[in-house]
Amino acid sequence: MESDIIKLITYGIRFVQAIAGAYAAFKISTYAIGYMTKNQRKIEEAKDGMKNVAIGVVVVAGCEAAVQWLQKGIHF
């Protein structure tokens, strides 16, 4: 019973990681296009956006540590 709950949480976190990774790739590509423009305002927005995406990727990667902790703590 307990291992089923842990597996469900693990799969949920993996699903969120996959969606977040795809969304981060999409946002980085749109910010890269904005960064290549000559408009200074868009360049600044792109820099800020890239920082936010990087922070989001770090948070999502932190979820991997949570998954590893759950898997090692329950021993399955």
N, C-alpha and C. Protein backbone atom coordinates (compact mmCIF):
# COMPACT_ATOMS: atom_id res chain seq x y z
N MET A 1 0.82 -1.19 0.00
CA MET A 1 0.00 0.00 0.00
C MET A 1 0.87 1.26 0.00
N GLU A 2 1.84 1.26 0.91
CA GLU A 2 2.71 2.44 1.02
C GLU A 2 3.55 2.63 -0.24
N SER A 3 4.03 1.53 -0.80
CA SER A 3 4.85 1.63 -2.01
C SER A 3 4.02 2.09 -3.21
N ASP A 4 2.74 1.75 -3.23
CA ASP A 4 1.87 2.23 -4.31
C ASP A 4 1.70 3.75 -4.26
N ILE A 5 1.59 4.27 -3.06
CA ILE A 5 1.46 5.73 -2.90
C ILE A 5 2.75 6.41 -3.34
N ILE A 6 3.89 5.85 -2.94
CA ILE A 6 5.18 6.41 -3.34
C ILE A 6 5.34 6.35 -4.85
N LYS A 7 4.94 5.25 -5.48
CA LYS A 7 5.02 5.15 -6.94
C LYS A 7 4.13 6.18 -7.61
N LEU A 8 2.95 6.40 -7.07
CA LEU A 8 2.03 7.40 -7.63
C LEU A 8 2.63 8.80 -7.52
N ILE A 9 3.21 9.12 -6.38
CA ILE A 9 3.86 10.42 -6.20
C ILE A 9 5.05 10.56 -7.15
N THR A 10 5.83 9.48 -7.28
CA THR A 10 6.99 9.51 -8.17
C THR A 10 6.58 9.74 -9.61
N TYR A 11 5.56 9.02 -10.07
CA TYR A 11 5.09 9.21 -11.44
C TYR A 11 4.51 10.61 -11.65
N GLY A 12 3.84 11.13 -10.65
CA GLY A 12 3.31 12.49 -10.74
C GLY A 12 4.43 13.51 -10.88
N ILE A 13 5.47 13.35 -10.07
CA ILE A 13 6.61 14.27 -10.15
C ILE A 13 7.31 14.14 -11.49
N ARG A 14 7.47 12.93 -11.98
CA ARG A 14 8.11 12.73 -13.29
C ARG A 14 7.29 13.37 -14.41
N PHE A 15 5.97 13.27 -14.31
CA PHE A 15 5.10 13.90 -15.31
C PHE A 15 5.28 15.42 -15.29
N VAL A 16 5.29 15.99 -14.10
CA VAL A 16 5.47 17.44 -13.98
C VAL A 16 6.84 17.85 -14.51
N GLN A 17 7.87 17.03 -14.24
CA GLN A 17 9.21 17.33 -14.75
C GLN A 17 9.23 17.32 -16.28
N ALA A 18 8.55 16.38 -16.89
CA ALA A 18 8.53 16.31 -18.35
C ALA A 18 7.82 17.52 -18.94
N ILE A 19 6.69 17.88 -18.38
CA ILE A 19 5.95 19.05 -18.87
C ILE A 19 6.76 20.32 -18.65
N ALA A 20 7.37 20.46 -17.48
CA ALA A 20 8.16 21.66 -17.18
C ALA A 20 9.38 21.75 -18.09
N GLY A 21 10.01 20.63 -18.40
CA GLY A 21 11.16 20.63 -19.31
C GLY A 21 10.78 21.05 -20.71
N ALA A 22 9.65 20.55 -21.18
CA ALA A 22 9.19 20.93 -22.52
C ALA A 22 8.82 22.41 -22.57
N TYR A 23 8.15 22.88 -21.53
CA TYR A 23 7.77 24.28 -21.48
C TYR A 23 9.01 25.18 -21.38
N ALA A 24 10.00 24.76 -20.61
CA ALA A 24 11.24 25.53 -20.49
C ALA A 24 11.95 25.63 -21.83
N ALA A 25 11.98 24.55 -22.58
CA ALA A 25 12.61 24.57 -23.90
C ALA A 25 11.87 25.53 -24.83
N PHE A 26 10.55 25.50 -24.76
CA PHE A 26 9.75 26.41 -25.59
C PHE A 26 10.01 27.87 -25.21
N LYS A 27 10.02 28.17 -23.92
CA LYS A 27 10.23 29.55 -23.48
C LYS A 27 11.64 30.03 -23.80
N ILE A 28 12.63 29.17 -23.64
CA ILE A 28 14.01 29.55 -23.97
C ILE A 28 14.11 29.88 -25.45
N SER A 29 13.43 29.11 -26.29
CA SER A 29 13.49 29.39 -27.73
C SER A 29 12.82 30.72 -28.06
N THR A 30 11.70 31.02 -27.41
CA THR A 30 11.05 32.31 -27.68
C THR A 30 11.87 33.47 -27.14
N TYR A 31 12.50 33.27 -25.97
CA TYR A 31 13.36 34.34 -25.44
C TYR A 31 14.61 34.51 -26.30
N ALA A 32 15.11 33.43 -26.88
CA ALA A 32 16.29 33.53 -27.76
C ALA A 32 15.96 34.35 -29.00
N ILE A 33 14.77 34.17 -29.53
CA ILE A 33 14.36 34.97 -30.69
C ILE A 33 14.25 36.44 -30.29
N GLY A 34 13.69 36.70 -29.12
CA GLY A 34 13.60 38.08 -28.64
C GLY A 34 14.96 38.68 -28.37
N TYR A 35 15.90 37.86 -27.93
CA TYR A 35 17.24 38.33 -27.63
C TYR A 35 17.98 38.74 -28.90
N MET A 36 17.64 38.13 -30.02
CA MET A 36 18.33 38.43 -31.27
C MET A 36 17.80 39.68 -31.97
N THR A 37 16.76 40.30 -31.43
CA THR A 37 16.22 41.51 -32.06
C THR A 37 17.10 42.71 -31.72
N LYS A 38 16.84 43.80 -32.41
CA LYS A 38 17.59 45.02 -32.15
C LYS A 38 16.89 45.92 -31.12
N ASN A 39 15.68 45.52 -30.72
CA ASN A 39 14.91 46.29 -29.76
C ASN A 39 15.47 46.05 -28.36
N GLN A 40 15.98 47.10 -27.73
CA GLN A 40 16.63 46.98 -26.42
C GLN A 40 15.66 46.49 -25.34
N ARG A 41 14.40 46.93 -25.42
CA ARG A 41 13.40 46.50 -24.43
C ARG A 41 13.17 44.99 -24.52
N LYS A 42 13.09 44.47 -25.73
CA LYS A 42 12.88 43.02 -25.90
C LYS A 42 14.10 42.23 -25.43
N ILE A 43 15.27 42.79 -25.62
CA ILE A 43 16.49 42.11 -25.16
C ILE A 43 16.49 42.01 -23.64
N GLU A 44 16.12 43.07 -22.96
CA GLU A 44 16.05 43.05 -21.49
C GLU A 44 14.98 42.09 -21.00
N GLU A 45 13.83 42.06 -21.67
CA GLU A 45 12.78 41.11 -21.31
C GLU A 45 13.26 39.68 -21.51
N ALA A 46 14.00 39.45 -22.58
CA ALA A 46 14.52 38.11 -22.84
C ALA A 46 15.51 37.68 -21.77
N LYS A 47 16.39 38.59 -21.35
CA LYS A 47 17.35 38.28 -20.30
C LYS A 47 16.63 37.92 -19.00
N ASP A 48 15.64 38.71 -18.63
CA ASP A 48 14.88 38.43 -17.42
C ASP A 48 14.13 37.10 -17.54
N GLY A 49 13.56 36.87 -18.70
CA GLY A 49 12.84 35.62 -18.91
C GLY A 49 13.75 34.41 -18.82
N MET A 50 14.95 34.53 -19.38
CA MET A 50 15.90 33.42 -19.32
C MET A 50 16.33 33.13 -17.89
N LYS A 51 16.48 34.18 -17.08
CA LYS A 51 16.80 33.98 -15.67
C LYS A 51 15.66 33.23 -14.97
N ASN A 52 14.43 33.60 -15.26
CA ASN A 52 13.28 32.94 -14.64
C ASN A 52 13.19 31.48 -15.07
N VAL A 53 13.47 31.20 -16.33
CA VAL A 53 13.44 29.81 -16.80
C VAL A 53 14.53 29.01 -16.11
N ALA A 54 15.70 29.60 -15.95
CA ALA A 54 16.80 28.89 -15.27
C ALA A 54 16.42 28.57 -13.82
N ILE A 55 15.79 29.51 -13.14
CA ILE A 55 15.33 29.26 -11.77
C ILE A 55 14.31 28.13 -11.75
N GLY A 56 13.40 28.14 -12.70
CA GLY A 56 12.39 27.09 -12.78
C GLY A 56 13.00 25.72 -13.03
N VAL A 57 14.02 25.67 -13.87
CA VAL A 57 14.68 24.39 -14.15
C VAL A 57 15.39 23.88 -12.89
N VAL A 58 15.97 24.78 -12.12
CA VAL A 58 16.63 24.38 -10.87
C VAL A 58 15.60 23.82 -9.89
N VAL A 59 14.43 24.44 -9.81
CA VAL A 59 13.38 23.94 -8.93
C VAL A 59 12.91 22.56 -9.37
N VAL A 60 12.71 22.38 -10.67
CA VAL A 60 12.28 21.09 -11.18
C VAL A 60 13.36 20.04 -10.95
N ALA A 61 14.62 20.41 -11.09
CA ALA A 61 15.71 19.47 -10.82
C ALA A 61 15.74 19.11 -9.34
N GLY A 62 15.36 20.04 -8.49
CA GLY A 62 15.26 19.75 -7.06
C GLY A 62 14.22 18.69 -6.77
N CYS A 63 13.20 18.62 -7.59
CA CYS A 63 12.19 17.57 -7.43
C CYS A 63 12.81 16.20 -7.65
N GLU A 64 13.81 16.12 -8.49
CA GLU A 64 14.49 14.84 -8.69
C GLU A 64 15.14 14.37 -7.39
N ALA A 65 15.69 15.31 -6.63
CA ALA A 65 16.26 14.94 -5.33
C ALA A 65 15.17 14.41 -4.41
N ALA A 66 13.99 14.99 -4.47
CA ALA A 66 12.87 14.51 -3.66
C ALA A 66 12.48 13.10 -4.07
N VAL A 67 12.45 12.84 -5.36
CA VAL A 67 12.11 11.50 -5.85
C VAL A 67 13.15 10.49 -5.37
N GLN A 68 14.40 10.82 -5.49
CA GLN A 68 15.46 9.91 -5.05
C GLN A 68 15.36 9.66 -3.54
N TRP A 69 15.06 10.69 -2.78
CA TRP A 69 14.92 10.56 -1.34
C TRP A 69 13.75 9.64 -1.00
N LEU A 70 12.63 9.81 -1.70
CA LEU A 70 11.49 8.95 -1.44
C LEU A 70 11.79 7.50 -1.80
N GLN A 71 12.45 7.29 -2.91
CA GLN A 71 12.75 5.92 -3.34
C GLN A 71 13.76 5.24 -2.40
N LYS A 72 14.74 5.96 -1.96
CA LYS A 72 15.73 5.36 -1.06
C LYS A 72 15.20 5.21 0.36
N GLY A 73 14.32 6.11 0.76
CA GLY A 73 13.76 6.05 2.10
C GLY A 73 12.82 4.88 2.30
N ILE A 74 12.12 4.47 1.26
CA ILE A 74 11.14 3.39 1.34
C ILE A 74 11.77 2.05 0.95
N HIS A 75 12.89 2.08 0.25
CA HIS A 75 13.62 0.88 -0.19
C HIS A 75 12.81 0.01 -1.14
N PHE A 76 12.37 0.61 -2.26
CA PHE A 76 11.72 -0.22 -3.27
C PHE A 76 12.39 -0.02 -4.60
